[in-house]
Amino acid sequence: MEQSKLFPYIVGIAALFIAGSAAFFSVFGLSKLFAGAMIPVIIMASSLEIGKLVSASFYIDIGLR
């Protein structure tokens, strides 16, 4: 019974690691692709990644109600 309470947290942590590594490689790759404007690209890509995570968690929260 104890494992069933722990499982959602393990899944959540795993999902955060996957999303974090995908965001890192996305931002890293875009900053290398557009090396002339590295800082603006990092800011833009980071804000897009944060927006993706926030909107996905919002829709999941709506679906769980």
N, C-alpha and C. Protein backbone atom coordinates (compact mmCIF):
# COMPACT_ATOMS: atom_id res chain seq x y z
N MET A 1 0.82 -1.20 0.00
CA MET A 1 0.00 0.00 0.00
C MET A 1 0.87 1.26 0.00
N GLU A 2 2.01 1.19 0.67
CA GLU A 2 2.89 2.36 0.76
C GLU A 2 3.49 2.72 -0.61
N GLN A 3 3.75 1.74 -1.44
CA GLN A 3 4.33 2.01 -2.75
C GLN A 3 3.37 2.79 -3.64
N SER A 4 2.09 2.55 -3.53
CA SER A 4 1.14 3.25 -4.38
C SER A 4 1.08 4.74 -4.07
N LYS A 5 1.38 5.13 -2.83
CA LYS A 5 1.42 6.55 -2.47
C LYS A 5 2.69 7.21 -2.96
N LEU A 6 3.75 6.46 -3.09
CA LEU A 6 5.04 6.99 -3.50
C LEU A 6 5.17 7.07 -5.03
N PHE A 7 4.46 6.22 -5.73
CA PHE A 7 4.60 6.12 -7.18
C PHE A 7 4.33 7.43 -7.92
N PRO A 8 3.27 8.20 -7.61
CA PRO A 8 3.06 9.46 -8.33
C PRO A 8 4.21 10.45 -8.17
N TYR A 9 4.85 10.46 -7.02
CA TYR A 9 5.99 11.34 -6.82
C TYR A 9 7.19 10.91 -7.65
N ILE A 10 7.41 9.61 -7.76
CA ILE A 10 8.50 9.10 -8.58
C ILE A 10 8.25 9.43 -10.05
N VAL A 11 7.03 9.26 -10.50
CA VAL A 11 6.69 9.60 -11.88
C VAL A 11 6.86 11.10 -12.13
N GLY A 12 6.43 11.93 -11.18
CA GLY A 12 6.58 13.37 -11.31
C GLY A 12 8.03 13.80 -11.38
N ILE A 13 8.87 13.23 -10.54
CA ILE A 13 10.30 13.56 -10.56
C ILE A 13 10.93 13.11 -11.87
N ALA A 14 10.58 11.93 -12.34
CA ALA A 14 11.11 11.45 -13.62
C ALA A 14 10.68 12.36 -14.77
N ALA A 15 9.43 12.80 -14.74
CA ALA A 15 8.95 13.70 -15.79
C ALA A 15 9.68 15.03 -15.75
N LEU A 16 9.97 15.55 -14.56
CA LEU A 16 10.72 16.79 -14.46
C LEU A 16 12.14 16.64 -14.98
N PHE A 17 12.78 15.52 -14.70
CA PHE A 17 14.12 15.28 -15.23
C PHE A 17 14.12 15.20 -16.76
N ILE A 18 13.14 14.52 -17.32
CA ILE A 18 13.05 14.40 -18.77
C ILE A 18 12.79 15.77 -19.41
N ALA A 19 11.85 16.51 -18.84
CA ALA A 19 11.55 17.85 -19.38
C ALA A 19 12.73 18.79 -19.21
N GLY A 20 13.42 18.68 -18.09
CA GLY A 20 14.59 19.53 -17.86
C GLY A 20 15.72 19.24 -18.82
N SER A 21 15.99 17.98 -19.06
CA SER A 21 17.07 17.66 -19.99
C SER A 21 16.69 18.03 -21.43
N ALA A 22 15.43 17.85 -21.80
CA ALA A 22 14.99 18.26 -23.13
C ALA A 22 15.09 19.78 -23.29
N ALA A 23 14.72 20.51 -22.26
CA ALA A 23 14.81 21.98 -22.31
C ALA A 23 16.26 22.42 -22.41
N PHE A 24 17.14 21.77 -21.65
CA PHE A 24 18.56 22.14 -21.70
C PHE A 24 19.13 21.95 -23.10
N PHE A 25 18.87 20.79 -23.71
CA PHE A 25 19.43 20.55 -25.03
C PHE A 25 18.79 21.43 -26.10
N SER A 26 17.52 21.77 -25.92
CA SER A 26 16.86 22.67 -26.85
C SER A 26 17.49 24.06 -26.79
N VAL A 27 17.65 24.59 -25.58
CA VAL A 27 18.24 25.92 -25.42
C VAL A 27 19.70 25.91 -25.85
N PHE A 28 20.43 24.87 -25.48
CA PHE A 28 21.84 24.76 -25.84
C PHE A 28 22.02 24.69 -27.35
N GLY A 29 21.19 23.88 -28.01
CA GLY A 29 21.29 23.74 -29.45
C GLY A 29 20.94 25.01 -30.19
N LEU A 30 19.88 25.68 -29.76
CA LEU A 30 19.49 26.94 -30.41
C LEU A 30 20.56 28.02 -30.21
N SER A 31 21.18 28.04 -29.01
CA SER A 31 22.21 29.06 -28.78
C SER A 31 23.44 28.80 -29.62
N LYS A 32 23.73 27.54 -29.92
CA LYS A 32 24.87 27.23 -30.81
C LYS A 32 24.51 27.51 -32.27
N LEU A 33 23.25 27.28 -32.63
CA LEU A 33 22.82 27.50 -34.00
C LEU A 33 22.83 28.99 -34.34
N PHE A 34 22.38 29.82 -33.42
CA PHE A 34 22.36 31.26 -33.61
C PHE A 34 23.41 31.90 -32.70
N ALA A 35 24.66 31.60 -32.96
CA ALA A 35 25.76 32.02 -32.08
C ALA A 35 25.94 33.54 -32.07
N GLY A 36 25.52 34.24 -33.10
CA GLY A 36 25.68 35.68 -33.15
C GLY A 36 24.79 36.42 -32.17
N ALA A 37 23.70 35.82 -31.82
CA ALA A 37 22.75 36.44 -30.87
C ALA A 37 22.47 35.45 -29.74
N MET A 38 23.53 35.03 -29.06
CA MET A 38 23.41 33.95 -28.09
C MET A 38 22.50 34.31 -26.91
N ILE A 39 22.69 35.46 -26.31
CA ILE A 39 21.91 35.83 -25.12
C ILE A 39 20.42 36.00 -25.45
N PRO A 40 20.05 36.73 -26.51
CA PRO A 40 18.62 36.82 -26.83
C PRO A 40 17.99 35.46 -27.15
N VAL A 41 18.74 34.58 -27.80
CA VAL A 41 18.21 33.25 -28.12
C VAL A 41 18.02 32.43 -26.84
N ILE A 42 18.95 32.52 -25.92
CA ILE A 42 18.81 31.80 -24.65
C ILE A 42 17.58 32.30 -23.89
N ILE A 43 17.38 33.61 -23.87
CA ILE A 43 16.22 34.17 -23.18
C ILE A 43 14.92 33.72 -23.85
N MET A 44 14.89 33.79 -25.18
CA MET A 44 13.69 33.39 -25.92
C MET A 44 13.39 31.90 -25.73
N ALA A 45 14.39 31.06 -25.89
CA ALA A 45 14.16 29.62 -25.80
C ALA A 45 13.80 29.22 -24.37
N SER A 46 14.41 29.85 -23.39
CA SER A 46 14.07 29.54 -22.00
C SER A 46 12.64 29.93 -21.68
N SER A 47 12.21 31.09 -22.15
CA SER A 47 10.83 31.49 -21.90
C SER A 47 9.84 30.56 -22.61
N LEU A 48 10.18 30.09 -23.79
CA LEU A 48 9.31 29.13 -24.48
C LEU A 48 9.23 27.81 -23.72
N GLU A 49 10.35 27.34 -23.21
CA GLU A 49 10.35 26.08 -22.46
C GLU A 49 9.55 26.22 -21.16
N ILE A 50 9.71 27.33 -20.46
CA ILE A 50 8.95 27.55 -19.23
C ILE A 50 7.46 27.64 -19.54
N GLY A 51 7.11 28.34 -20.62
CA GLY A 51 5.72 28.44 -21.04
C GLY A 51 5.12 27.08 -21.38
N LYS A 52 5.92 26.23 -22.01
CA LYS A 52 5.46 24.88 -22.34
C LYS A 52 5.15 24.09 -21.08
N LEU A 53 6.03 24.15 -20.12
CA LEU A 53 5.81 23.39 -18.89
C LEU A 53 4.62 23.92 -18.10
N VAL A 54 4.47 25.24 -18.05
CA VAL A 54 3.36 25.83 -17.31
C VAL A 54 2.03 25.50 -17.98
N SER A 55 1.97 25.62 -19.30
CA SER A 55 0.70 25.32 -19.99
C SER A 55 0.36 23.84 -19.90
N ALA A 56 1.35 22.95 -19.99
CA ALA A 56 1.07 21.52 -19.86
C ALA A 56 0.58 21.18 -18.47
N SER A 57 1.19 21.76 -17.44
CA SER A 57 0.73 21.48 -16.08
C SER A 57 -0.65 22.07 -15.83
N PHE A 58 -0.97 23.19 -16.47
CA PHE A 58 -2.30 23.78 -16.34
C PHE A 58 -3.35 22.85 -16.93
N TYR A 59 -3.09 22.32 -18.12
CA TYR A 59 -4.07 21.43 -18.75
C TYR A 59 -4.19 20.12 -18.02
N ILE A 60 -3.11 19.63 -17.45
CA ILE A 60 -3.19 18.40 -16.65
C ILE A 60 -4.02 18.66 -15.39
N ASP A 61 -3.82 19.83 -14.78
CA ASP A 61 -4.56 20.17 -13.57
C ASP A 61 -6.06 20.26 -13.87
N ILE A 62 -6.42 20.83 -15.00
CA ILE A 62 -7.84 20.93 -15.39
C ILE A 62 -8.41 19.54 -15.62
N GLY A 63 -7.63 18.66 -16.25
CA GLY A 63 -8.11 17.31 -16.53
C GLY A 63 -8.29 16.46 -15.29
N LEU A 64 -7.55 16.77 -14.22
CA LEU A 64 -7.65 15.96 -13.00
C LEU A 64 -8.79 16.39 -12.10
N ARG A 65 -9.41 17.50 -12.39
CA ARG A 65 -10.51 17.96 -11.52
C ARG A 65 -11.78 17.22 -11.80
